[in-house]
């Protein structure tokens, strides 16, 4: 699966939990609106675990905007609960989710930034060998 499919899977979970909220992927708008989420990819770290598979650790930023600070915390808390209850999002396993206290932006709207850490294990492509065509027994 591609990285964009993972971002879309996170967006789908956010939309399922908050159907009235708007979502944006990767780019934070210059003038954010009330009750909106931005889902952004932050980084990718890969590590070999065995000769047969490797682990991909990815971090995503979940940003939420609201007009009042008391609207921000309940949404982010509910989102954290949704991530942990789901345990997996698409093919990703939820490792952790943490978010910040609300902060006032220059535009007067409040924002909270969360970091979602995920892990995926992918198998390596294994070499293919030709099948044995005929097996005989030599009798001596």
N, C-alpha and C. Protein backbone atom coordinates (compact mmCIF):
# COMPACT_ATOMS: atom_id res chain seq x y z
N UNK A 1 0.84 -1.19 0.00
CA UNK A 1 0.00 0.00 0.00
C UNK A 1 0.88 1.24 0.00
N UNK A 2 0.39 2.25 -0.60
CA UNK A 2 1.12 3.50 -0.67
C UNK A 2 0.85 4.36 0.55
N UNK A 3 1.73 5.30 0.77
CA UNK A 3 1.61 6.22 1.89
C UNK A 3 0.29 6.99 1.84
N UNK A 4 -0.11 7.42 0.67
CA UNK A 4 -1.36 8.19 0.55
C UNK A 4 -2.56 7.36 0.98
N UNK A 5 -2.52 6.05 0.74
CA UNK A 5 -3.63 5.18 1.18
C UNK A 5 -3.71 5.13 2.70
N UNK A 6 -2.57 5.21 3.38
CA UNK A 6 -2.56 5.25 4.84
C UNK A 6 -3.16 6.56 5.34
N UNK A 7 -2.82 7.66 4.69
CA UNK A 7 -3.38 8.96 5.07
C UNK A 7 -4.89 8.96 4.85
N UNK A 8 -5.34 8.38 3.75
CA UNK A 8 -6.79 8.29 3.48
C UNK A 8 -7.48 7.42 4.52
N UNK A 9 -6.82 6.37 4.99
CA UNK A 9 -7.41 5.51 6.03
C UNK A 9 -7.57 6.27 7.34
N UNK A 10 -6.58 7.10 7.69
CA UNK A 10 -6.69 7.93 8.90
C UNK A 10 -7.83 8.93 8.73
N UNK A 11 -7.91 9.54 7.56
CA UNK A 11 -8.98 10.50 7.28
C UNK A 11 -10.35 9.83 7.39
N UNK A 12 -10.47 8.61 6.92
CA UNK A 12 -11.74 7.88 6.99
C UNK A 12 -12.16 7.65 8.44
N UNK A 13 -11.20 7.32 9.30
CA UNK A 13 -11.52 7.13 10.72
C UNK A 13 -11.98 8.45 11.35
N UNK A 14 -11.30 9.55 11.02
CA UNK A 14 -11.68 10.86 11.54
C UNK A 14 -13.08 11.24 11.06
N UNK A 15 -13.36 11.01 9.78
CA UNK A 15 -14.68 11.33 9.23
C UNK A 15 -15.78 10.47 9.83
N UNK A 16 -15.46 9.21 10.11
CA UNK A 16 -16.45 8.32 10.73
C UNK A 16 -16.77 8.77 12.15
N UNK A 17 -15.76 9.24 12.86
CA UNK A 17 -15.96 9.69 14.24
C UNK A 17 -16.62 11.06 14.29
N UNK A 18 -16.26 11.95 13.38
CA UNK A 18 -16.79 13.32 13.35
C UNK A 18 -17.31 13.64 11.95
N UNK A 19 -18.49 13.14 11.60
CA UNK A 19 -19.00 13.35 10.24
C UNK A 19 -19.28 14.82 9.90
N UNK A 20 -19.50 15.66 10.90
CA UNK A 20 -19.78 17.07 10.64
C UNK A 20 -18.51 17.90 10.45
N UNK A 21 -17.35 17.36 10.74
CA UNK A 21 -16.08 18.09 10.61
C UNK A 21 -15.56 18.01 9.18
N UNK A 22 -14.83 19.04 8.78
CA UNK A 22 -14.17 19.02 7.48
C UNK A 22 -12.74 18.51 7.67
N UNK A 23 -12.21 17.89 6.65
CA UNK A 23 -10.84 17.36 6.71
C UNK A 23 -10.05 17.84 5.51
N UNK A 24 -8.78 18.01 5.75
CA UNK A 24 -7.82 18.37 4.71
C UNK A 24 -6.61 17.46 4.88
N UNK A 25 -5.98 17.14 3.77
CA UNK A 25 -4.79 16.31 3.84
C UNK A 25 -3.55 17.12 3.48
N UNK A 26 -2.52 16.97 4.30
CA UNK A 26 -1.16 17.41 4.09
C UNK A 26 -0.91 18.91 4.17
N UNK A 27 -1.80 19.77 3.74
CA UNK A 27 -1.53 21.21 3.74
C UNK A 27 -2.45 21.93 4.72
N UNK A 28 -1.85 22.66 5.65
CA UNK A 28 -2.64 23.44 6.60
C UNK A 28 -3.12 24.68 5.88
N UNK A 29 -4.45 24.96 5.90
CA UNK A 29 -4.96 26.14 5.21
C UNK A 29 -4.46 27.43 5.86
N UNK A 30 -4.33 28.47 5.05
CA UNK A 30 -3.88 29.76 5.58
C UNK A 30 -4.93 30.40 6.47
N UNK A 31 -6.20 30.11 6.19
CA UNK A 31 -7.31 30.61 7.01
C UNK A 31 -8.15 29.41 7.45
N UNK A 32 -7.73 28.70 8.51
CA UNK A 32 -8.49 27.52 8.94
C UNK A 32 -9.87 27.89 9.45
N UNK A 33 -10.80 26.96 9.30
CA UNK A 33 -12.18 27.21 9.73
C UNK A 33 -12.51 26.35 10.95
N UNK A 34 -13.57 26.73 11.64
CA UNK A 34 -14.04 26.01 12.82
C UNK A 34 -14.38 24.56 12.47
N UNK A 35 -14.09 23.67 13.40
CA UNK A 35 -14.41 22.24 13.29
C UNK A 35 -13.78 21.61 12.06
N UNK A 36 -12.46 21.79 11.94
CA UNK A 36 -11.76 21.19 10.81
C UNK A 36 -10.49 20.49 11.29
N UNK A 37 -10.19 19.39 10.61
CA UNK A 37 -8.99 18.59 10.88
C UNK A 37 -8.06 18.67 9.68
N UNK A 38 -6.77 18.61 9.96
CA UNK A 38 -5.75 18.47 8.91
C UNK A 38 -4.94 17.25 9.27
N UNK A 39 -4.78 16.34 8.32
CA UNK A 39 -4.01 15.12 8.52
C UNK A 39 -2.75 15.24 7.68
N UNK A 40 -1.59 15.20 8.35
CA UNK A 40 -0.32 15.40 7.67
C UNK A 40 0.66 14.27 7.98
N UNK A 41 1.39 13.85 6.98
CA UNK A 41 2.48 12.90 7.16
C UNK A 41 3.69 13.66 7.69
N UNK A 42 4.36 13.10 8.71
CA UNK A 42 5.55 13.75 9.25
C UNK A 42 6.85 13.04 8.88
N UNK A 43 6.96 11.76 9.23
CA UNK A 43 8.20 11.06 8.90
C UNK A 43 8.00 9.56 8.80
N UNK A 44 9.03 8.92 8.27
CA UNK A 44 9.02 7.49 7.99
C UNK A 44 10.36 6.92 8.46
N UNK A 45 10.31 5.84 9.21
CA UNK A 45 11.52 5.19 9.69
C UNK A 45 11.35 3.69 9.47
N UNK A 46 12.31 3.08 8.78
CA UNK A 46 12.21 1.65 8.47
C UNK A 46 13.34 0.89 9.15
N UNK A 47 12.99 -0.31 9.59
CA UNK A 47 13.98 -1.11 10.31
C UNK A 47 13.77 -2.59 9.99
N UNK A 48 14.88 -3.27 9.73
CA UNK A 48 14.83 -4.71 9.48
C UNK A 48 14.57 -5.45 10.78
N UNK A 49 13.62 -6.36 10.75
CA UNK A 49 13.36 -7.18 11.93
C UNK A 49 13.81 -8.62 11.70
N UNK A 50 13.54 -9.16 10.54
CA UNK A 50 14.00 -10.50 10.17
C UNK A 50 14.37 -10.47 8.69
N UNK A 51 14.87 -11.59 8.21
CA UNK A 51 15.19 -11.67 6.78
C UNK A 51 13.92 -11.69 5.93
N UNK A 52 12.78 -11.90 6.56
CA UNK A 52 11.54 -12.05 5.82
C UNK A 52 10.63 -10.83 5.89
N UNK A 53 10.86 -9.94 6.85
CA UNK A 53 10.03 -8.75 6.91
C UNK A 53 10.77 -7.59 7.57
N UNK A 54 10.22 -6.40 7.37
CA UNK A 54 10.76 -5.19 7.99
C UNK A 54 9.59 -4.37 8.54
N UNK A 55 9.91 -3.45 9.45
CA UNK A 55 8.88 -2.63 10.09
C UNK A 55 9.00 -1.19 9.60
N UNK A 56 7.83 -0.59 9.33
CA UNK A 56 7.77 0.81 8.93
C UNK A 56 7.08 1.58 10.06
N UNK A 57 7.81 2.48 10.70
CA UNK A 57 7.25 3.35 11.73
C UNK A 57 6.99 4.70 11.08
N UNK A 58 5.75 5.16 11.16
CA UNK A 58 5.40 6.45 10.57
C UNK A 58 4.69 7.31 11.60
N UNK A 59 4.96 8.61 11.53
CA UNK A 59 4.30 9.59 12.39
C UNK A 59 3.44 10.49 11.52
N UNK A 60 2.24 10.76 12.03
CA UNK A 60 1.30 11.65 11.35
C UNK A 60 0.90 12.76 12.32
N UNK A 61 0.66 13.92 11.78
CA UNK A 61 0.21 15.05 12.58
C UNK A 61 -1.28 15.25 12.32
N UNK A 62 -2.06 15.29 13.40
CA UNK A 62 -3.49 15.54 13.31
C UNK A 62 -3.73 16.90 13.96
N UNK A 63 -4.18 17.87 13.18
CA UNK A 63 -4.39 19.23 13.66
C UNK A 63 -5.89 19.49 13.69
N UNK A 64 -6.38 20.06 14.81
CA UNK A 64 -7.80 20.37 14.91
C UNK A 64 -7.98 21.85 15.23
N UNK A 65 -8.93 22.50 14.53
CA UNK A 65 -9.23 23.92 14.72
C UNK A 65 -10.66 24.10 15.21
N UNK A 66 -10.83 25.03 16.16
CA UNK A 66 -12.17 25.39 16.67
C UNK A 66 -12.13 26.84 17.13
N UNK A 67 -13.31 27.44 17.24
CA UNK A 67 -13.39 28.86 17.60
C UNK A 67 -13.17 29.11 19.09
N UNK A 68 -13.43 28.10 19.92
CA UNK A 68 -13.25 28.27 21.37
C UNK A 68 -12.33 27.17 21.90
N UNK A 69 -11.50 27.50 22.90
CA UNK A 69 -10.58 26.48 23.42
C UNK A 69 -11.29 25.30 24.06
N UNK A 70 -12.45 25.55 24.66
CA UNK A 70 -13.18 24.45 25.31
C UNK A 70 -13.81 23.48 24.30
N UNK A 71 -13.79 23.82 23.04
CA UNK A 71 -14.28 22.92 22.00
C UNK A 71 -13.17 21.99 21.49
N UNK A 72 -11.94 22.40 21.68
CA UNK A 72 -10.80 21.67 21.12
C UNK A 72 -10.50 20.39 21.91
N UNK A 73 -10.38 20.52 23.22
CA UNK A 73 -9.97 19.37 24.04
C UNK A 73 -10.92 18.18 23.96
N UNK A 74 -12.25 18.38 24.05
CA UNK A 74 -13.13 17.20 23.95
C UNK A 74 -13.00 16.47 22.61
N UNK A 75 -12.79 17.22 21.52
CA UNK A 75 -12.66 16.58 20.20
C UNK A 75 -11.37 15.76 20.12
N UNK A 76 -10.28 16.34 20.59
CA UNK A 76 -9.01 15.63 20.53
C UNK A 76 -9.01 14.42 21.48
N UNK A 77 -9.66 14.57 22.63
CA UNK A 77 -9.77 13.45 23.56
C UNK A 77 -10.60 12.31 22.95
N UNK A 78 -11.70 12.66 22.30
CA UNK A 78 -12.54 11.65 21.64
C UNK A 78 -11.79 11.00 20.48
N UNK A 79 -10.99 11.78 19.78
CA UNK A 79 -10.20 11.22 18.68
C UNK A 79 -9.15 10.24 19.22
N UNK A 80 -8.51 10.59 20.33
CA UNK A 80 -7.54 9.69 20.95
C UNK A 80 -8.21 8.37 21.34
N UNK A 81 -9.38 8.47 21.93
CA UNK A 81 -10.12 7.27 22.31
C UNK A 81 -10.46 6.42 21.08
N UNK A 82 -10.85 7.08 19.99
CA UNK A 82 -11.19 6.36 18.76
C UNK A 82 -9.97 5.63 18.19
N UNK A 83 -8.80 6.28 18.23
CA UNK A 83 -7.59 5.63 17.74
C UNK A 83 -7.25 4.39 18.56
N UNK A 84 -7.32 4.52 19.89
CA UNK A 84 -6.94 3.40 20.74
C UNK A 84 -7.99 2.28 20.72
N UNK A 85 -9.24 2.63 20.54
CA UNK A 85 -10.28 1.60 20.45
C UNK A 85 -10.17 0.84 19.13
N UNK A 86 -9.79 1.55 18.08
CA UNK A 86 -9.65 0.91 16.77
C UNK A 86 -8.45 -0.04 16.77
N UNK A 87 -7.38 0.34 17.43
CA UNK A 87 -6.13 -0.42 17.51
C UNK A 87 -5.40 -0.49 16.17
N UNK A 88 -6.14 -0.68 15.09
CA UNK A 88 -5.54 -0.65 13.75
C UNK A 88 -6.34 0.29 12.87
N UNK A 89 -5.65 0.93 11.95
CA UNK A 89 -6.27 1.80 10.96
C UNK A 89 -5.79 1.30 9.61
N UNK A 90 -6.69 0.69 8.86
CA UNK A 90 -6.26 0.06 7.62
C UNK A 90 -5.27 -1.03 7.95
N UNK A 91 -4.07 -0.91 7.43
CA UNK A 91 -3.03 -1.90 7.70
C UNK A 91 -2.09 -1.48 8.82
N UNK A 92 -2.29 -0.28 9.36
CA UNK A 92 -1.39 0.27 10.38
C UNK A 92 -1.84 -0.09 11.78
N UNK A 93 -0.89 -0.34 12.63
CA UNK A 93 -1.19 -0.55 14.05
C UNK A 93 -0.92 0.76 14.78
N UNK A 94 -1.86 1.17 15.61
CA UNK A 94 -1.69 2.40 16.38
C UNK A 94 -0.72 2.13 17.52
N UNK A 95 0.36 2.89 17.55
CA UNK A 95 1.35 2.77 18.62
C UNK A 95 1.05 3.77 19.73
N UNK A 96 0.80 5.03 19.36
CA UNK A 96 0.46 6.04 20.36
C UNK A 96 -0.16 7.27 19.69
N UNK A 97 -0.87 8.04 20.51
CA UNK A 97 -1.43 9.32 20.06
C UNK A 97 -1.37 10.28 21.23
N UNK A 98 -0.77 11.43 21.01
CA UNK A 98 -0.67 12.47 22.04
C UNK A 98 -1.00 13.80 21.39
N UNK A 99 -1.61 14.71 22.16
CA UNK A 99 -1.97 16.01 21.60
C UNK A 99 -1.65 17.13 22.58
N UNK A 100 -1.57 18.35 22.03
CA UNK A 100 -1.19 19.52 22.80
C UNK A 100 -2.42 20.25 23.35
N UNK A 101 -2.15 21.15 24.28
CA UNK A 101 -3.22 22.02 24.77
C UNK A 101 -3.60 23.00 23.66
N UNK A 102 -4.81 23.57 23.70
CA UNK A 102 -5.21 24.51 22.66
C UNK A 102 -4.36 25.78 22.70
N UNK A 103 -4.03 26.28 21.53
CA UNK A 103 -3.29 27.53 21.40
C UNK A 103 -4.03 28.43 20.43
N UNK A 104 -4.00 29.70 20.70
CA UNK A 104 -4.69 30.66 19.83
C UNK A 104 -3.79 31.01 18.64
N UNK A 105 -4.35 30.95 17.44
CA UNK A 105 -3.60 31.29 16.23
C UNK A 105 -3.69 32.78 15.98
N UNK A 106 -2.93 33.25 15.00
CA UNK A 106 -2.98 34.66 14.63
C UNK A 106 -4.36 35.06 14.12
N UNK A 107 -5.08 34.12 13.54
CA UNK A 107 -6.41 34.39 13.02
C UNK A 107 -7.48 34.37 14.10
N UNK A 108 -7.11 34.11 15.36
CA UNK A 108 -8.07 34.12 16.45
C UNK A 108 -8.76 32.79 16.69
N UNK A 109 -8.45 31.78 15.92
CA UNK A 109 -9.05 30.46 16.10
C UNK A 109 -8.09 29.62 16.95
N UNK A 110 -8.61 28.61 17.63
CA UNK A 110 -7.79 27.78 18.50
C UNK A 110 -7.41 26.48 17.80
N UNK A 111 -6.22 25.98 18.14
CA UNK A 111 -5.69 24.81 17.48
C UNK A 111 -5.06 23.87 18.51
N UNK A 112 -5.16 22.58 18.24
CA UNK A 112 -4.44 21.56 19.00
C UNK A 112 -3.77 20.64 17.98
N UNK A 113 -2.54 20.28 18.27
CA UNK A 113 -1.77 19.45 17.37
C UNK A 113 -1.52 18.10 18.04
N UNK A 114 -1.89 17.03 17.34
CA UNK A 114 -1.67 15.68 17.85
C UNK A 114 -0.69 14.94 16.97
N UNK A 115 0.04 14.01 17.59
CA UNK A 115 0.97 13.16 16.85
C UNK A 115 0.51 11.72 16.99
N UNK A 116 0.25 11.09 15.85
CA UNK A 116 -0.15 9.69 15.79
C UNK A 116 1.04 8.87 15.31
N UNK A 117 1.47 7.93 16.13
CA UNK A 117 2.57 7.04 15.76
C UNK A 117 1.99 5.69 15.37
N UNK A 118 2.40 5.19 14.20
CA UNK A 118 1.89 3.91 13.70
C UNK A 118 3.04 3.00 13.31
N UNK A 119 2.73 1.72 13.18
CA UNK A 119 3.72 0.74 12.74
C UNK A 119 3.06 -0.24 11.77
N UNK A 120 3.81 -0.62 10.76
CA UNK A 120 3.35 -1.59 9.76
C UNK A 120 4.50 -2.56 9.53
N UNK A 121 4.18 -3.82 9.42
CA UNK A 121 5.18 -4.80 9.05
C UNK A 121 4.92 -5.26 7.62
N UNK A 122 5.96 -5.21 6.80
CA UNK A 122 5.82 -5.64 5.41
C UNK A 122 6.80 -6.76 5.14
N UNK A 123 6.32 -7.73 4.37
CA UNK A 123 7.20 -8.84 4.02
C UNK A 123 8.09 -8.45 2.84
N UNK A 124 9.26 -8.99 2.86
CA UNK A 124 10.19 -8.76 1.75
C UNK A 124 9.81 -9.66 0.58
N UNK A 125 10.14 -9.23 -0.59
CA UNK A 125 9.94 -10.08 -1.76
C UNK A 125 10.95 -11.22 -1.68
N UNK A 126 10.45 -12.42 -1.73
CA UNK A 126 11.31 -13.60 -1.61
C UNK A 126 11.67 -14.11 -3.01
N UNK A 127 12.89 -14.63 -3.16
CA UNK A 127 13.27 -15.16 -4.48
C UNK A 127 12.42 -16.37 -4.84
N UNK A 128 12.12 -16.48 -6.11
CA UNK A 128 11.35 -17.61 -6.62
C UNK A 128 12.32 -18.59 -7.28
N UNK A 129 12.15 -19.84 -6.96
CA UNK A 129 13.00 -20.88 -7.54
C UNK A 129 12.14 -21.77 -8.42
N UNK A 130 12.73 -22.33 -9.48
CA UNK A 130 11.94 -23.22 -10.34
C UNK A 130 11.54 -24.48 -9.58
N UNK A 131 10.38 -24.96 -9.91
CA UNK A 131 9.90 -26.18 -9.27
C UNK A 131 10.65 -27.38 -9.84
N UNK A 132 10.75 -28.41 -9.01
CA UNK A 132 11.38 -29.64 -9.48
C UNK A 132 10.41 -30.33 -10.44
N UNK A 133 10.92 -30.71 -11.58
CA UNK A 133 10.05 -31.32 -12.57
C UNK A 133 9.84 -32.82 -12.32
N UNK A 134 10.93 -33.51 -12.07
CA UNK A 134 10.83 -34.95 -11.92
C UNK A 134 11.82 -35.40 -10.86
N UNK A 135 11.32 -36.23 -9.99
CA UNK A 135 12.17 -36.76 -8.93
C UNK A 135 12.22 -38.27 -9.11
N UNK A 136 13.42 -38.80 -9.18
CA UNK A 136 13.58 -40.26 -9.34
C UNK A 136 14.47 -40.78 -8.21
N UNK A 137 14.37 -42.06 -7.99
CA UNK A 137 15.16 -42.71 -6.97
C UNK A 137 16.16 -43.62 -7.66
N UNK A 138 17.40 -43.46 -7.35
CA UNK A 138 18.44 -44.34 -7.89
C UNK A 138 18.56 -45.54 -6.99
N UNK A 139 18.44 -46.70 -7.57
CA UNK A 139 18.58 -47.91 -6.77
C UNK A 139 19.96 -48.51 -7.08
N UNK A 140 20.68 -48.81 -6.09
CA UNK A 140 22.02 -49.38 -6.26
C UNK A 140 22.07 -50.81 -5.90
